[in-house]
Amino acid sequence: MAHFKHFIIGAALAGAALAAQAASTTTPPQNLRLQQTEIAKGDPPRWYQDDASPAEQLRTLRKEIGAALAEANLACKQGPAAERSACLKEARATYQHDMANAAQIRAENHPH
């Protein structure tokens, strides 16, 4: 999981760029509620456990790519209407690119 920090930071920066014009948070409301519940309980132990196999690493990466798309879509929808279509198209293209290259991204983050 620690190896995905650079990817997550990159995804967060990309999301921030898409949300530059958005006035409010880009996290869907249902995710905010879940996050608040987890934060109240403290960090779950799973956050500190690396994925053991390449298949688990790939599954986690795909989940993170999907979450990045959901946040980007929400940011696009909160942005100016004139830019919405292009923003959504770019978010979808980034998602498709990342999903198509997920195995390579996983290999770069887990070279051993």
PDB file of N, CA and C in Angstrom:
ATOM      1  N   MET A   1       0.826  -1.179   0.000  1.00  0.00           N
ATOM      2  CA  MET A   1       0.000   0.000   0.000  1.00  0.00           C
ATOM      3  C   MET A   1       0.875   1.249   0.000  1.00  0.00           C
ATOM      4  N   ALA A   2       1.987   1.195   0.697  1.00  0.00           N
ATOM      5  CA  ALA A   2       2.875   2.340   0.746  1.00  0.00           C
ATOM      6  C   ALA A   2       3.380   2.703  -0.640  1.00  0.00           C
ATOM      7  N   HIS A   3       3.482   1.714  -1.516  1.00  0.00           N
ATOM      8  CA  HIS A   3       3.966   1.957  -2.870  1.00  0.00           C
ATOM      9  C   HIS A   3       2.968   2.751  -3.694  1.00  0.00           C
ATOM     10  N   PHE A   4       1.738   2.754  -3.312  1.00  0.00           N
ATOM     11  CA  PHE A   4       0.709   3.476  -4.054  1.00  0.00           C
ATOM     12  C   PHE A   4       0.627   4.939  -3.641  1.00  0.00           C
ATOM     13  N   LYS A   5       1.431   5.346  -2.637  1.00  0.00           N
ATOM     14  CA  LYS A   5       1.348   6.724  -2.159  1.00  0.00           C
ATOM     15  C   LYS A   5       1.582   7.713  -3.294  1.00  0.00           C
ATOM     16  N   HIS A   6       2.595   7.443  -4.131  1.00  0.00           N
ATOM     17  CA  HIS A   6       2.881   8.369  -5.227  1.00  0.00           C
ATOM     18  C   HIS A   6       1.721   8.408  -6.206  1.00  0.00           C
ATOM     19  N   PHE A   7       1.143   7.251  -6.493  1.00  0.00           N
ATOM     20  CA  PHE A   7      -0.010   7.195  -7.403  1.00  0.00           C
ATOM     21  C   PHE A   7      -1.193   7.938  -6.807  1.00  0.00           C
ATOM     22  N   ILE A   8      -1.449   7.715  -5.526  1.00  0.00           N
ATOM     23  CA  ILE A   8      -2.582   8.361  -4.865  1.00  0.00           C
ATOM     24  C   ILE A   8      -2.381   9.869  -4.840  1.00  0.00           C
ATOM     25  N   ILE A   9      -1.152  10.304  -4.555  1.00  0.00           N
ATOM     26  CA  ILE A   9      -0.864  11.737  -4.539  1.00  0.00           C
ATOM     27  C   ILE A   9      -1.084  12.312  -5.932  1.00  0.00           C
ATOM     28  N   GLY A  10      -0.628  11.593  -6.954  1.00  0.00           N
ATOM     29  CA  GLY A  10      -0.835  12.044  -8.332  1.00  0.00           C
ATOM     30  C   GLY A  10      -2.306  12.129  -8.676  1.00  0.00           C
ATOM     31  N   ALA A  11      -3.053  11.114  -8.271  1.00  0.00           N
ATOM     32  CA  ALA A  11      -4.491  11.114  -8.536  1.00  0.00           C
ATOM     33  C   ALA A  11      -5.165  12.262  -7.791  1.00  0.00           C
ATOM     34  N   ALA A  12      -4.726  12.515  -6.567  1.00  0.00           N
ATOM     35  CA  ALA A  12      -5.300  13.609  -5.788  1.00  0.00           C
ATOM     36  C   ALA A  12      -4.998  14.954  -6.438  1.00  0.00           C
ATOM     37  N   LEU A  13      -3.774  15.111  -6.942  1.00  0.00           N
ATOM     38  CA  LEU A  13      -3.422  16.359  -7.613  1.00  0.00           C
ATOM     39  C   LEU A  13      -4.230  16.541  -8.892  1.00  0.00           C
ATOM     40  N   ALA A  14      -4.423  15.447  -9.630  1.00  0.00           N
ATOM     41  CA  ALA A  14      -5.240  15.519 -10.842  1.00  0.00           C
ATOM     42  C   ALA A  14      -6.673  15.889 -10.481  1.00  0.00           C
ATOM     43  N   GLY A  15      -7.173  15.301  -9.417  1.00  0.00           N
ATOM     44  CA  GLY A  15      -8.520  15.629  -8.955  1.00  0.00           C
ATOM     45  C   GLY A  15      -8.615  17.078  -8.519  1.00  0.00           C
ATOM     46  N   ALA A  16      -7.564  17.565  -7.872  1.00  0.00           N
ATOM     47  CA  ALA A  16      -7.560  18.958  -7.431  1.00  0.00           C
ATOM     48  C   ALA A  16      -7.565  19.902  -8.628  1.00  0.00           C
ATOM     49  N   ALA A  17      -6.845  19.532  -9.676  1.00  0.00           N
ATOM     50  CA  ALA A  17      -6.831  20.367 -10.875  1.00  0.00           C
ATOM     51  C   ALA A  17      -8.217  20.413 -11.506  1.00  0.00           C
ATOM     52  N   LEU A  18      -8.881  19.258 -11.561  1.00  0.00           N
ATOM     53  CA  LEU A  18     -10.233  19.228 -12.117  1.00  0.00           C
ATOM     54  C   LEU A  18     -11.211  20.022 -11.263  1.00  0.00           C
ATOM     55  N   ALA A  19     -10.940  20.064  -9.971  1.00  0.00           N
ATOM     56  CA  ALA A  19     -11.861  20.716  -9.045  1.00  0.00           C
ATOM     57  C   ALA A  19     -11.490  22.166  -8.751  1.00  0.00           C
ATOM     58  N   ALA A  20     -10.552  22.695  -9.474  1.00  0.00           N
ATOM     59  CA  ALA A  20     -10.084  24.053  -9.189  1.00  0.00           C
ATOM     60  C   ALA A  20     -11.222  25.062  -9.177  1.00  0.00           C
ATOM     61  N   GLN A  21     -12.220  24.854 -10.018  1.00  0.00           N
ATOM     62  CA  GLN A  21     -13.337  25.785 -10.095  1.00  0.00           C
ATOM     63  C   GLN A  21     -14.498  25.379  -9.191  1.00  0.00           C
ATOM     64  N   ALA A  22     -14.422  24.187  -8.603  1.00  0.00           N
ATOM     65  CA  ALA A  22     -15.537  23.707  -7.771  1.00  0.00           C
ATOM     66  C   ALA A  22     -15.553  24.439  -6.441  1.00  0.00           C
ATOM     67  N   ALA A  23     -16.741  24.756  -5.968  1.00  0.00           N
ATOM     68  CA  ALA A  23     -16.864  25.521  -4.734  1.00  0.00           C
ATOM     69  C   ALA A  23     -16.903  24.640  -3.492  1.00  0.00           C
ATOM     70  N   SER A  24     -17.303  23.382  -3.638  1.00  0.00           N
ATOM     71  CA  SER A  24     -17.427  22.531  -2.464  1.00  0.00           C
ATOM     72  C   SER A  24     -16.634  21.248  -2.631  1.00  0.00           C
ATOM     73  N   THR A  25     -16.733  20.363  -1.659  1.00  0.00           N
ATOM     74  CA  THR A  25     -15.973  19.129  -1.641  1.00  0.00           C
ATOM     75  C   THR A  25     -16.289  18.240  -2.839  1.00  0.00           C
ATOM     76  N   THR A  26     -15.329  17.399  -3.213  1.00  0.00           N
ATOM     77  CA  THR A  26     -15.531  16.506  -4.355  1.00  0.00           C
ATOM     78  C   THR A  26     -15.815  15.082  -3.910  1.00  0.00           C
ATOM     79  N   THR A  27     -15.912  14.872  -2.642  1.00  0.00           N
ATOM     80  CA  THR A  27     -16.199  13.532  -2.144  1.00  0.00           C
ATOM     81  C   THR A  27     -17.710  13.334  -2.081  1.00  0.00           C
ATOM     82  N   PRO A  28     -18.202  12.256  -2.712  1.00  0.00           N
ATOM     83  CA  PRO A  28     -19.648  12.006  -2.674  1.00  0.00           C
ATOM     84  C   PRO A  28     -20.158  11.930  -1.229  1.00  0.00           C
ATOM     85  N   PRO A  29     -21.386  12.400  -0.977  1.00  0.00           N
ATOM     86  CA  PRO A  29     -21.933  12.439   0.386  1.00  0.00           C
ATOM     87  C   PRO A  29     -21.903  11.092   1.106  1.00  0.00           C
ATOM     88  N   GLN A  30     -22.228   9.995   0.397  1.00  0.00           N
ATOM     89  CA  GLN A  30     -22.221   8.691   1.062  1.00  0.00           C
ATOM     90  C   GLN A  30     -20.804   8.306   1.494  1.00  0.00           C
ATOM     91  N   ASN A  31     -19.799   8.721   0.719  1.00  0.00           N
ATOM     92  CA  ASN A  31     -18.419   8.438   1.099  1.00  0.00           C
ATOM     93  C   ASN A  31     -18.008   9.283   2.304  1.00  0.00           C
ATOM     94  N   LEU A  32     -18.483  10.521   2.352  1.00  0.00           N
ATOM     95  CA  LEU A  32     -18.176  11.375   3.500  1.00  0.00           C
ATOM     96  C   LEU A  32     -18.680  10.754   4.797  1.00  0.00           C
ATOM     97  N   ARG A  33     -19.901  10.215   4.766  1.00  0.00           N
ATOM     98  CA  ARG A  33     -20.462   9.587   5.976  1.00  0.00           C
ATOM     99  C   ARG A  33     -19.616   8.389   6.398  1.00  0.00           C
ATOM    100  N   LEU A  34     -19.226   7.570   5.427  1.00  0.00           N
ATOM    101  CA  LEU A  34     -18.391   6.405   5.751  1.00  0.00           C
ATOM    102  C   LEU A  34     -17.039   6.838   6.302  1.00  0.00           C
ATOM    103  N   GLN A  35     -16.459   7.873   5.698  1.00  0.00           N
ATOM    104  CA  GLN A  35     -15.169   8.376   6.176  1.00  0.00           C
ATOM    105  C   GLN A  35     -15.274   8.890   7.607  1.00  0.00           C
ATOM    106  N   GLN A  36     -16.343   9.624   7.893  1.00  0.00           N
ATOM    107  CA  GLN A  36     -16.513  10.167   9.244  1.00  0.00           C
ATOM    108  C   GLN A  36     -16.658   9.050  10.268  1.00  0.00           C
ATOM    109  N   THR A  37     -17.358   7.982   9.907  1.00  0.00           N
ATOM    110  CA  THR A  37     -17.511   6.834  10.806  1.00  0.00           C
ATOM    111  C   THR A  37     -16.162   6.182  11.057  1.00  0.00           C
ATOM    112  N   GLU A  38     -15.390   5.989  10.000  1.00  0.00           N
ATOM    113  CA  GLU A  38     -14.078   5.360  10.155  1.00  0.00           C
ATOM    114  C   GLU A  38     -13.127   6.239  10.942  1.00  0.00           C
ATOM    115  N   ILE A  39     -13.144   7.546  10.683  1.00  0.00           N
ATOM    116  CA  ILE A  39     -12.263   8.463  11.401  1.00  0.00           C
ATOM    117  C   ILE A  39     -12.562   8.429  12.895  1.00  0.00           C
ATOM    118  N   ALA A  40     -13.841   8.363  13.241  1.00  0.00           N
ATOM    119  CA  ALA A  40     -14.224   8.318  14.655  1.00  0.00           C
ATOM    120  C   ALA A  40     -13.671   7.071  15.342  1.00  0.00           C
ATOM    121  N   LYS A  41     -13.535   5.979  14.606  1.00  0.00           N
ATOM    122  CA  LYS A  41     -13.025   4.725  15.171  1.00  0.00           C
ATOM    123  C   LYS A  41     -11.501   4.664  15.171  1.00  0.00           C
ATOM    124  N   GLY A  42     -10.854   5.578  14.472  1.00  0.00           N
ATOM    125  CA  GLY A  42      -9.401   5.531  14.338  1.00  0.00           C
ATOM    126  C   GLY A  42      -9.032   4.775  13.070  1.00  0.00           C
ATOM    127  N   ASP A  43      -7.767   4.782  12.741  1.00  0.00           N
ATOM    128  CA  ASP A  43      -7.308   4.114  11.524  1.00  0.00           C
ATOM    129  C   ASP A  43      -7.542   2.613  11.606  1.00  0.00           C
ATOM    130  N   PRO A  44      -8.171   2.054  10.578  1.00  0.00           N
ATOM    131  CA  PRO A  44      -8.355   0.598  10.569  1.00  0.00           C
ATOM    132  C   PRO A  44      -7.023  -0.099  10.298  1.00  0.00           C
ATOM    133  N   PRO A  45      -6.799  -1.236  10.903  1.00  0.00           N
ATOM    134  CA  PRO A  45      -5.532  -1.957  10.719  1.00  0.00           C
ATOM    135  C   PRO A  45      -5.212  -2.254   9.250  1.00  0.00           C
ATOM    136  N   ARG A  46      -6.231  -2.435   8.403  1.00  0.00           N
ATOM    137  CA  ARG A  46      -5.981  -2.787   7.000  1.00  0.00           C
ATOM    138  C   ARG A  46      -5.189  -1.705   6.268  1.00  0.00           C
ATOM    139  N   TRP A  47      -5.230  -0.467   6.777  1.00  0.00           N
ATOM    140  CA  TRP A  47      -4.490   0.605   6.125  1.00  0.00           C
ATOM    141  C   TRP A  47      -2.987   0.381   6.207  1.00  0.00           C
ATOM    142  N   TYR A  48      -2.576  -0.421   7.142  1.00  0.00           N
ATOM    143  CA  TYR A  48      -1.147  -0.628   7.371  1.00  0.00           C
ATOM    144  C   TYR A  48      -0.682  -2.001   6.911  1.00  0.00           C
ATOM    145  N   GLN A  49      -1.520  -2.695   6.173  1.00  0.00           N
ATOM    146  CA  GLN A  49      -1.169  -4.019   5.656  1.00  0.00           C
ATOM    147  C   GLN A  49      -1.006  -3.933   4.142  1.00  0.00           C
ATOM    148  N   ASP A  50       0.199  -4.273   3.683  1.00  0.00           N
ATOM    149  CA  ASP A  50       0.428  -4.288   2.237  1.00  0.00           C
ATOM    150  C   ASP A  50      -0.334  -5.436   1.606  1.00  0.00           C
ATOM    151  N   ASP A  51      -0.748  -5.239   0.367  1.00  0.00           N
ATOM    152  CA  ASP A  51      -1.360  -6.330  -0.381  1.00  0.00           C
ATOM    153  C   ASP A  51      -0.281  -7.383  -0.623  1.00  0.00           C
ATOM    154  N   ALA A  52      -0.603  -8.631  -0.340  1.00  0.00           N
ATOM    155  CA  ALA A  52       0.392  -9.702  -0.377  1.00  0.00           C
ATOM    156  C   ALA A  52       0.719 -10.176  -1.787  1.00  0.00           C
ATOM    157  N   SER A  53      -0.240 -10.192  -2.670  1.00  0.00           N
ATOM    158  CA  SER A  53      -0.010 -10.771  -3.998  1.00  0.00           C
ATOM    159  C   SER A  53      -0.218  -9.719  -5.088  1.00  0.00           C
ATOM    160  N   PRO A  54       0.343  -9.975  -6.269  1.00  0.00           N
ATOM    161  CA  PRO A  54       0.109  -9.067  -7.392  1.00  0.00           C
ATOM    162  C   PRO A  54      -1.386  -8.900  -7.704  1.00  0.00           C
ATOM    163  N   ALA A  55      -2.161  -9.972  -7.564  1.00  0.00           N
ATOM    164  CA  ALA A  55      -3.602  -9.883  -7.826  1.00  0.00           C
ATOM    165  C   ALA A  55      -4.277  -8.939  -6.828  1.00  0.00           C
ATOM    166  N   GLU A  56      -3.892  -9.006  -5.557  1.00  0.00           N
ATOM    167  CA  GLU A  56      -4.457  -8.103  -4.552  1.00  0.00           C
ATOM    168  C   GLU A  56      -4.040  -6.660  -4.825  1.00  0.00           C
ATOM    169  N   GLN A  57      -2.782  -6.475  -5.219  1.00  0.00           N
ATOM    170  CA  GLN A  57      -2.287  -5.136  -5.533  1.00  0.00           C
ATOM    171  C   GLN A  57      -3.047  -4.548  -6.720  1.00  0.00           C
ATOM    172  N   LEU A  58      -3.289  -5.362  -7.725  1.00  0.00           N
ATOM    173  CA  LEU A  58      -4.013  -4.913  -8.907  1.00  0.00           C
ATOM    174  C   LEU A  58      -5.469  -4.591  -8.570  1.00  0.00           C
ATOM    175  N   ARG A  59      -6.082  -5.399  -7.736  1.00  0.00           N
ATOM    176  CA  ARG A  59      -7.462  -5.159  -7.313  1.00  0.00           C
ATOM    177  C   ARG A  59      -7.556  -3.822  -6.557  1.00  0.00           C
ATOM    178  N   THR A  60      -6.609  -3.566  -5.667  1.00  0.00           N
ATOM    179  CA  THR A  60      -6.594  -2.306  -4.923  1.00  0.00           C
ATOM    180  C   THR A  60      -6.382  -1.128  -5.859  1.00  0.00           C
ATOM    181  N   LEU A  61      -5.470  -1.277  -6.792  1.00  0.00           N
ATOM    182  CA  LEU A  61      -5.200  -0.204  -7.748  1.00  0.00           C
ATOM    183  C   LEU A  61      -6.439   0.110  -8.580  1.00  0.00           C
ATOM    184  N   ARG A  62      -7.109  -0.917  -9.054  1.00  0.00           N
ATOM    185  CA  ARG A  62      -8.319  -0.696  -9.851  1.00  0.00           C
ATOM    186  C   ARG A  62      -9.403   0.003  -9.018  1.00  0.00           C
ATOM    187  N   LYS A  63      -9.497  -0.362  -7.756  1.00  0.00           N
ATOM    188  CA  LYS A  63     -10.462   0.291  -6.866  1.00  0.00           C
ATOM    189  C   LYS A  63     -10.110   1.777  -6.704  1.00  0.00           C
ATOM    190  N   GLU A  64      -8.825   2.086  -6.560  1.00  0.00           N
ATOM    191  CA  GLU A  64      -8.386   3.471  -6.412  1.00  0.00           C
ATOM    192  C   GLU A  64      -8.621   4.269  -7.695  1.00  0.00           C
ATOM    193  N   ILE A  65      -8.409   3.635  -8.853  1.00  0.00           N
ATOM    194  CA  ILE A  65      -8.654   4.301 -10.130  1.00  0.00           C
ATOM    195  C   ILE A  65     -10.151   4.627 -10.262  1.00  0.00           C
ATOM    196  N   GLY A  66     -10.993   3.691  -9.854  1.00  0.00           N
ATOM    197  CA  GLY A  66     -12.440   3.926  -9.888  1.00  0.00           C
ATOM    198  C   GLY A  66     -12.857   5.045  -8.951  1.00  0.00           C
ATOM    199  N   ALA A  67     -12.258   5.086  -7.771  1.00  0.00           N
ATOM    200  CA  ALA A  67     -12.569   6.149  -6.808  1.00  0.00           C
ATOM    201  C   ALA A  67     -12.120   7.507  -7.343  1.00  0.00           C
ATOM    202  N   ALA A  68     -10.972   7.538  -8.011  1.00  0.00           N
ATOM    203  CA  ALA A  68     -10.489   8.788  -8.595  1.00  0.00           C
ATOM    204  C   ALA A  68     -11.454   9.276  -9.676  1.00  0.00           C
ATOM    205  N   LEU A  69     -12.001   8.349 -10.465  1.00  0.00           N
ATOM    206  CA  LEU A  69     -12.989   8.730 -11.480  1.00  0.00           C
ATOM    207  C   LEU A  69     -14.245   9.315 -10.828  1.00  0.00           C
ATOM    208  N   ALA A  70     -14.711   8.680  -9.777  1.00  0.00           N
ATOM    209  CA  ALA A  70     -15.919   9.170  -9.092  1.00  0.00           C
ATOM    210  C   ALA A  70     -15.701  10.584  -8.560  1.00  0.00           C
ATOM    211  N   GLU A  71     -14.542  10.849  -7.982  1.00  0.00           N
ATOM    212  CA  GLU A  71     -14.255  12.185  -7.466  1.00  0.00           C
ATOM    213  C   GLU A  71     -14.110  13.195  -8.601  1.00  0.00           C
ATOM    214  N   ALA A  72     -13.458  12.782  -9.694  1.00  0.00           N
ATOM    215  CA  ALA A  72     -13.295  13.684 -10.832  1.00  0.00           C
ATOM    216  C   ALA A  72     -14.652  14.018 -11.454  1.00  0.00           C
ATOM    217  N   ASN A  73     -15.530  13.016 -11.578  1.00  0.00           N
ATOM    218  CA  ASN A  73     -16.863  13.265 -12.136  1.00  0.00           C
ATOM    219  C   ASN A  73     -17.641  14.261 -11.281  1.00  0.00           C
ATOM    220  N   LEU A  74     -17.561  14.095  -9.979  1.00  0.00           N
ATOM    221  CA  LEU A  74     -18.261  15.014  -9.088  1.00  0.00           C
ATOM    222  C   LEU A  74     -17.684  16.419  -9.206  1.00  0.00           C
ATOM    223  N   ALA A  75     -16.367  16.522  -9.297  1.00  0.00           N
ATOM    224  CA  ALA A  75     -15.736  17.838  -9.449  1.00  0.00           C
ATOM    225  C   ALA A  75     -16.171  18.487 -10.757  1.00  0.00           C
ATOM    226  N   CYS A  76     -16.240  17.688 -11.810  1.00  0.00           N
ATOM    227  CA  CYS A  76     -16.677  18.218 -13.112  1.00  0.00           C
ATOM    228  C   CYS A  76     -18.114  18.742 -13.032  1.00  0.00           C
ATOM    229  N   LYS A  77     -18.963  17.997 -12.375  1.00  0.00           N
ATOM    230  CA  LYS A  77     -20.368  18.386 -12.269  1.00  0.00           C
ATOM    231  C   LYS A  77     -20.560  19.634 -11.420  1.00  0.00           C
ATOM    232  N   GLN A  78     -19.618  19.898 -10.527  1.00  0.00           N
ATOM    233  CA  GLN A  78     -19.702  21.085  -9.681  1.00  0.00           C
ATOM    234  C   GLN A  78     -19.050  22.289 -10.339  1.00  0.00           C
ATOM    235  N   GLY A  79     -18.311  22.052 -11.418  1.00  0.00           N
ATOM    236  CA  GLY A  79     -17.631  23.130 -12.124  1.00  0.00           C
ATOM    237  C   GLY A  79     -18.569  23.878 -13.055  1.00  0.00           C
ATOM    238  N   PRO A  80     -18.016  24.824 -13.783  1.00  0.00           N
ATOM    239  CA  PRO A  80     -18.820  25.623 -14.719  1.00  0.00           C
ATOM    240  C   PRO A  80     -19.470  24.746 -15.787  1.00  0.00           C
ATOM    241  N   ALA A  81     -20.720  25.031 -16.101  1.00  0.00           N
ATOM    242  CA  ALA A  81     -21.468  24.234 -17.075  1.00  0.00           C
ATOM    243  C   ALA A  81     -20.783  24.220 -18.438  1.00  0.00           C
ATOM    244  N   ALA A  82     -20.172  25.313 -18.817  1.00  0.00           N
ATOM    245  CA  ALA A  82     -19.525  25.407 -20.123  1.00  0.00           C
ATOM    246  C   ALA A  82     -18.334  24.455 -20.251  1.00  0.00           C
ATOM    247  N   GLU A  83     -17.734  24.100 -19.139  1.00  0.00           N
ATOM    248  CA  GLU A  83     -16.551  23.231 -19.147  1.00  0.00           C
ATOM    249  C   GLU A  83     -16.882  21.785 -18.787  1.00  0.00           C
ATOM    250  N   ARG A  84     -18.111  21.530 -18.392  1.00  0.00           N
ATOM    251  CA  ARG A  84     -18.498  20.228 -17.849  1.00  0.00           C
ATOM    252  C   ARG A  84     -18.252  19.069 -18.813  1.00  0.00           C
ATOM    253  N   SER A  85     -18.693  19.204 -20.033  1.00  0.00           N
ATOM    254  CA  SER A  85     -18.565  18.120 -21.004  1.00  0.00           C
ATOM    255  C   SER A  85     -17.103  17.747 -21.241  1.00  0.00           C
ATOM    256  N   ALA A  86     -16.266  18.744 -21.452  1.00  0.00           N
ATOM    257  CA  ALA A  86     -14.839  18.489 -21.680  1.00  0.00           C
ATOM    258  C   ALA A  86     -14.188  17.892 -20.437  1.00  0.00           C
ATOM    259  N   CYS A  87     -14.586  18.364 -19.277  1.00  0.00           N
ATOM    260  CA  CYS A  87     -14.045  17.859 -18.014  1.00  0.00           C
ATOM    261  C   CYS A  87     -14.398  16.387 -17.835  1.00  0.00           C
ATOM    262  N   LEU A  88     -15.667  16.049 -18.057  1.00  0.00           N
ATOM    263  CA  LEU A  88     -16.108  14.655 -17.922  1.00  0.00           C
ATOM    264  C   LEU A  88     -15.409  13.754 -18.941  1.00  0.00           C
ATOM    265  N   LYS A  89     -15.240  14.255 -20.145  1.00  0.00           N
ATOM    266  CA  LYS A  89     -14.557  13.492 -21.191  1.00  0.00           C
ATOM    267  C   LYS A  89     -13.103  13.218 -20.787  1.00  0.00           C
ATOM    268  N   GLU A  90     -12.439  14.240 -20.262  1.00  0.00           N
ATOM    269  CA  GLU A  90     -11.049  14.074 -19.825  1.00  0.00           C
ATOM    270  C   GLU A  90     -10.943  13.103 -18.646  1.00  0.00           C
ATOM    271  N   ALA A  91     -11.872  13.207 -17.716  1.00  0.00           N
ATOM    272  CA  ALA A  91     -11.864  12.290 -16.563  1.00  0.00           C
ATOM    273  C   ALA A  91     -12.041  10.853 -17.025  1.00  0.00           C
ATOM    274  N   ARG A  92     -12.961  10.638 -17.957  1.00  0.00           N
ATOM    275  CA  ARG A  92     -13.213   9.292 -18.484  1.00  0.00           C
ATOM    276  C   ARG A  92     -11.992   8.770 -19.243  1.00  0.00           C
ATOM    277  N   ALA A  93     -11.351   9.633 -20.020  1.00  0.00           N
ATOM    278  CA  ALA A  93     -10.157   9.232 -20.769  1.00  0.00           C
ATOM    279  C   ALA A  93      -9.020   8.848 -19.820  1.00  0.00           C
ATOM    280  N   THR A  94      -8.867   9.614 -18.750  1.00  0.00           N
ATOM    281  CA  THR A  94      -7.836   9.295 -17.757  1.00  0.00           C
ATOM    282  C   THR A  94      -8.131   7.951 -17.102  1.00  0.00           C
ATOM    283  N   TYR A  95      -9.396   7.725 -16.752  1.00  0.00           N
ATOM    284  CA  TYR A  95      -9.806   6.461 -16.159  1.00  0.00           C
ATOM    285  C   TYR A  95      -9.495   5.299 -17.106  1.00  0.00           C
ATOM    286  N   GLN A  96      -9.900   5.438 -18.363  1.00  0.00           N
ATOM    287  CA  GLN A  96      -9.675   4.360 -19.330  1.00  0.00           C
ATOM    288  C   GLN A  96      -8.188   4.103 -19.535  1.00  0.00           C
ATOM    289  N   HIS A  97      -7.400   5.158 -19.592  1.00  0.00           N
ATOM    290  CA  HIS A  97      -5.946   5.011 -19.743  1.00  0.00           C
ATOM    291  C   HIS A  97      -5.347   4.284 -18.545  1.00  0.00           C
ATOM    292  N   ASP A  98      -5.730   4.731 -17.344  1.00  0.00           N
ATOM    293  CA  ASP A  98      -5.185   4.111 -16.130  1.00  0.00           C
ATOM    294  C   ASP A  98      -5.615   2.649 -16.002  1.00  0.00           C
ATOM    295  N   MET A  99      -6.879   2.355 -16.331  1.00  0.00           N
ATOM    296  CA  MET A  99      -7.340   0.968 -16.246  1.00  0.00           C
ATOM    297  C   MET A  99      -6.616   0.098 -17.275  1.00  0.00           C
ATOM    298  N   ALA A 100      -6.405   0.628 -18.477  1.00  0.00           N
ATOM    299  CA  ALA A 100      -5.712  -0.128 -19.512  1.00  0.00           C
ATOM    300  C   ALA A 100      -4.255  -0.388 -19.139  1.00  0.00           C
ATOM    301  N   ASN A 101      -3.693   0.492 -18.328  1.00  0.00           N
ATOM    302  CA  ASN A 101      -2.287   0.369 -17.934  1.00  0.00           C
ATOM    303  C   ASN A 101      -2.115  -0.034 -16.473  1.00  0.00           C
ATOM    304  N   ALA A 102      -3.165  -0.549 -15.861  1.00  0.00           N
ATOM    305  CA  ALA A 102      -3.120  -0.882 -14.431  1.00  0.00           C
ATOM    306  C   ALA A 102      -2.015  -1.883 -14.109  1.00  0.00           C
ATOM    307  N   ALA A 103      -1.844  -2.890 -14.929  1.00  0.00           N
ATOM    308  CA  ALA A 103      -0.803  -3.886 -14.657  1.00  0.00           C
ATOM    309  C   ALA A 103       0.582  -3.246 -14.676  1.00  0.00           C
ATOM    310  N   GLN A 104       0.814  -2.354 -15.624  1.00  0.00           N
ATOM    311  CA  GLN A 104       2.099  -1.664 -15.706  1.00  0.00           C
ATOM    312  C   GLN A 104       2.295  -0.735 -14.502  1.00  0.00           C
ATOM    313  N   ILE A 105       1.250  -0.015 -14.133  1.00  0.00           N
ATOM    314  CA  ILE A 105       1.338   0.882 -12.967  1.00  0.00           C
ATOM    315  C   ILE A 105       1.633   0.065 -11.710  1.00  0.00           C
ATOM    316  N   ARG A 106       0.957  -1.095 -11.567  1.00  0.00           N
ATOM    317  CA  ARG A 106       1.207  -1.959 -10.422  1.00  0.00           C
ATOM    318  C   ARG A 106       2.642  -2.425 -10.412  1.00  0.00           C
ATOM    319  N   ALA A 107       3.165  -2.823 -11.556  1.00  0.00           N
ATOM    320  CA  ALA A 107       4.546  -3.319 -11.654  1.00  0.00           C
ATOM    321  C   ALA A 107       5.551  -2.216 -11.302  1.00  0.00           C
ATOM    322  N   GLU A 108       5.271  -0.990 -11.720  1.00  0.00           N
ATOM    323  CA  GLU A 108       6.165   0.122 -11.409  1.00  0.00           C
ATOM    324  C   GLU A 108       6.185   0.431  -9.918  1.00  0.00           C
ATOM    325  N   ASN A 109       5.050   0.234  -9.258  1.00  0.00           N
ATOM    326  CA  ASN A 109       4.965   0.505  -7.827  1.00  0.00           C
ATOM    327  C   ASN A 109       5.387  -0.673  -6.966  1.00  0.00           C
ATOM    328  N   HIS A 110       5.475  -1.853  -7.550  1.00  0.00           N
ATOM    329  CA  HIS A 110       5.890  -3.071  -6.835  1.00  0.00           C
ATOM    330  C   HIS A 110       6.904  -3.815  -7.687  1.00  0.00           C
ATOM    331  N   PRO A 111       8.124  -3.282  -7.791  1.00  0.00           N
ATOM    332  CA  PRO A 111       9.115  -3.873  -8.695  1.00  0.00           C
ATOM    333  C   PRO A 111       9.612  -5.257  -8.297  1.00  0.00           C
ATOM    334  N   HIS A 112       9.388  -5.683  -7.086  1.00  0.00           N
ATOM    335  CA  HIS A 112       9.908  -7.001  -6.674  1.00  0.00           C
ATOM    336  C   HIS A 112       8.901  -8.083  -6.821  1.00  0.00           C
TER     337      HIS A 112
END
